[in-house]
Structure formats: structure tokens, C-alpha cells
Amino acid sequence: MNMLRPEDRLKAIEAFKEDKLMISWGHDGVPPMNWAEKQGWPKPVRKGKIAFIKKMLENDENFSKALISSGIDVYISDYSNPKNINPDPTFWEELLGCLGLLVIIFIVWALFSYGCS
């Protein structure tokens, strides 16, 4: 993967079109929501990540500002990622949490329905 610099915005646009743009969302993996809000940019969570990226790629100033002060790193991947720019691990954690809750509810229901008869 090639890390991009402020002068690489055109490369980033091409990578975005080819689904090869990858973003490291800060040192702790948390998107820079406070930074985005202060800039008046879309918050980079869920579907807002695409809006954030489009805002970042709008012009040289935005791209430079995002790379220098937001805490993100932008890369061009060697492989294409056809489904998503940067898979969101918190989505899977939330999904598994919901599925776990459904399993617990089902077990409790089964115990009360069949175990108490």
C-alpha cells in the first residue's frame, strides 16, 4: 500500500473511483468525528464515511487539511475492495451483539415455554 501525501489528491480520486482508497481512521481506529464537526464536514461514521471522503477529495485544500490535521492516513491499496471503501469493524461487532441478544431471548422464551409446563 502506498501512503498518500497532500499533493496526491488526483491519485486519491482515481483510487476512490477504482475502490482502492483505504483510510486508517486515526491511531486508535476511531474516525475523527470532532474534527469533522469543527470543519463543518460530514461525520465519518457508517454512510457518512463516503460523504466525508467526497468532501476531502473536493479540492486540494480539503485534502491537505484532512491529511495534516484530522489524524487519518490515506493509502492506495494494491487490491480492489468492491463492497466497501474501508470495512467498518464496529458494524460486525454490533451485528454479533444483536444476534447474541436474540439468542438469549430465544433461550429464555424456550425455557419458559417448555421448561415451566
Protein backbone atom coordinates (compact mmCIF):
# COMPACT_ATOMS: atom_id res chain seq x y z
CA MET A 1 0.00 0.00 0.00
CA ASN A 2 1.16 3.49 -0.81
CA MET A 3 0.56 6.20 1.77
CA LEU A 4 -0.59 9.43 0.16
CA ARG A 5 0.66 12.97 0.82
CA PRO A 6 -1.21 16.26 0.45
CA GLU A 7 -0.03 16.67 -3.15
CA ASP A 8 -1.51 13.27 -4.15
CA ARG A 9 -5.18 14.26 -4.33
CA LEU A 10 -5.57 13.28 -8.01
CA LYS A 11 -4.16 9.83 -7.24
CA ALA A 12 -6.63 9.57 -4.36
CA ILE A 13 -9.54 10.46 -6.66
CA GLU A 14 -8.54 7.75 -9.13
CA ALA A 15 -8.11 5.23 -6.31
CA PHE A 16 -11.54 6.16 -4.94
CA LYS A 17 -13.13 5.56 -8.37
CA GLU A 18 -11.40 2.16 -8.55
CA ASP A 19 -12.38 1.18 -4.96
CA LYS A 20 -8.73 1.12 -3.93
CA LEU A 21 -8.73 4.04 -1.50
CA MET A 22 -8.08 2.91 2.06
CA ILE A 23 -8.22 5.10 5.16
CA SER A 24 -6.65 4.48 8.52
CA TRP A 25 -9.02 6.30 10.88
CA GLY A 26 -6.55 7.70 13.39
CA HIS A 27 -4.18 5.98 15.77
CA ASP A 28 -6.93 4.28 17.78
CA GLY A 29 -9.10 3.43 14.76
CA VAL A 30 -11.76 5.97 15.75
CA PRO A 31 -12.91 8.28 12.95
CA PRO A 32 -12.18 11.99 13.58
CA MET A 33 -15.79 12.99 14.28
CA ASN A 34 -14.98 16.02 16.45
CA TRP A 35 -12.50 17.28 13.87
CA ALA A 36 -15.04 16.80 11.05
CA GLU A 37 -17.74 18.61 13.03
CA LYS A 38 -15.44 21.58 13.68
CA GLN A 39 -14.73 21.81 9.94
CA GLY A 40 -18.42 21.58 9.05
CA TRP A 41 -17.78 18.28 7.26
CA PRO A 42 -19.94 15.15 7.35
CA LYS A 43 -19.14 12.88 10.30
CA PRO A 44 -17.22 9.83 9.07
CA VAL A 45 -19.45 7.13 10.56
CA ARG A 46 -21.29 4.48 8.58
CA LYS A 47 -22.69 6.03 5.40
CA GLY A 48 -21.17 9.37 6.38
CA LYS A 49 -17.73 7.96 5.58
CA ILE A 50 -18.44 8.24 1.86
CA ALA A 51 -19.65 11.84 2.29
CA PHE A 52 -16.53 12.61 4.37
CA ILE A 53 -14.26 11.17 1.69
CA LYS A 54 -16.03 13.07 -1.09
CA LYS A 55 -15.67 16.30 0.91
CA MET A 56 -11.99 15.53 1.48
CA LEU A 57 -11.43 14.95 -2.25
CA GLU A 58 -13.32 18.11 -3.33
CA ASN A 59 -10.21 20.25 -3.60
CA ASP A 60 -6.51 20.43 -2.72
CA GLU A 61 -7.14 22.48 0.42
CA ASN A 62 -9.60 19.96 1.90
CA PHE A 63 -7.37 17.02 1.07
CA SER A 64 -4.31 18.67 2.57
CA LYS A 65 -6.23 19.78 5.68
CA ALA A 66 -7.59 16.25 6.27
CA LEU A 67 -4.21 14.59 5.92
CA ILE A 68 -2.36 17.10 8.08
CA SER A 69 -4.77 17.80 10.93
CA SER A 70 -7.52 15.14 11.16
CA GLY A 71 -5.35 12.23 12.27
CA ILE A 72 -6.18 9.98 9.31
CA ASP A 73 -3.79 8.32 6.91
CA VAL A 74 -4.85 7.65 3.33
CA TYR A 75 -3.47 4.80 1.23
CA ILE A 76 -3.92 3.26 -2.16
CA SER A 77 -4.48 -0.45 -1.83
CA ASP A 78 -2.86 -2.94 -4.18
CA TYR A 79 -6.16 -4.83 -4.28
CA SER A 80 -9.64 -3.65 -5.07
CA ASN A 81 -12.31 -3.75 -2.40
CA PRO A 82 -15.58 -3.91 -4.36
CA LYS A 83 -18.07 -3.81 -1.49
CA ASN A 84 -16.75 -1.06 0.77
CA ILE A 85 -14.01 1.54 0.96
CA ASN A 86 -12.96 0.53 4.42
CA PRO A 87 -14.93 -2.22 6.14
CA ASP A 88 -16.28 -0.98 9.44
CA PRO A 89 -15.37 -3.48 12.18
CA THR A 90 -17.83 -1.87 14.59
CA PHE A 91 -20.68 -2.87 12.27
CA TRP A 92 -19.82 -6.55 12.71
CA GLU A 93 -19.40 -6.14 16.45
CA GLU A 94 -22.85 -4.55 16.70
CA LEU A 95 -24.39 -7.20 14.47
CA LEU A 96 -22.91 -10.02 16.55
CA GLY A 97 -24.09 -8.28 19.71
CA CYS A 98 -27.65 -8.11 18.36
CA LEU A 99 -27.55 -11.74 17.27
CA GLY A 100 -26.29 -12.73 20.72
CA LEU A 101 -29.16 -10.85 22.32
CA LEU A 102 -31.66 -12.60 20.06
CA VAL A 103 -30.21 -15.99 21.02
CA ILE A 104 -30.53 -15.15 24.72
CA ILE A 105 -34.15 -14.01 24.24
CA PHE A 106 -34.93 -17.23 22.36
CA ILE A 107 -33.36 -19.38 25.11
CA VAL A 108 -35.33 -17.56 27.82
CA TRP A 109 -38.52 -17.92 25.80
CA ALA A 110 -37.86 -21.64 25.22
CA LEU A 111 -37.17 -22.22 28.93
CA PHE A 112 -40.38 -20.50 29.99
CA SER A 113 -42.46 -22.04 27.21
CA TYR A 114 -41.28 -25.63 27.55
CA GLY A 115 -39.50 -25.77 30.88
CA CYS A 116 -42.31 -24.42 33.04
CA SER A 117 -45.11 -26.63 31.65
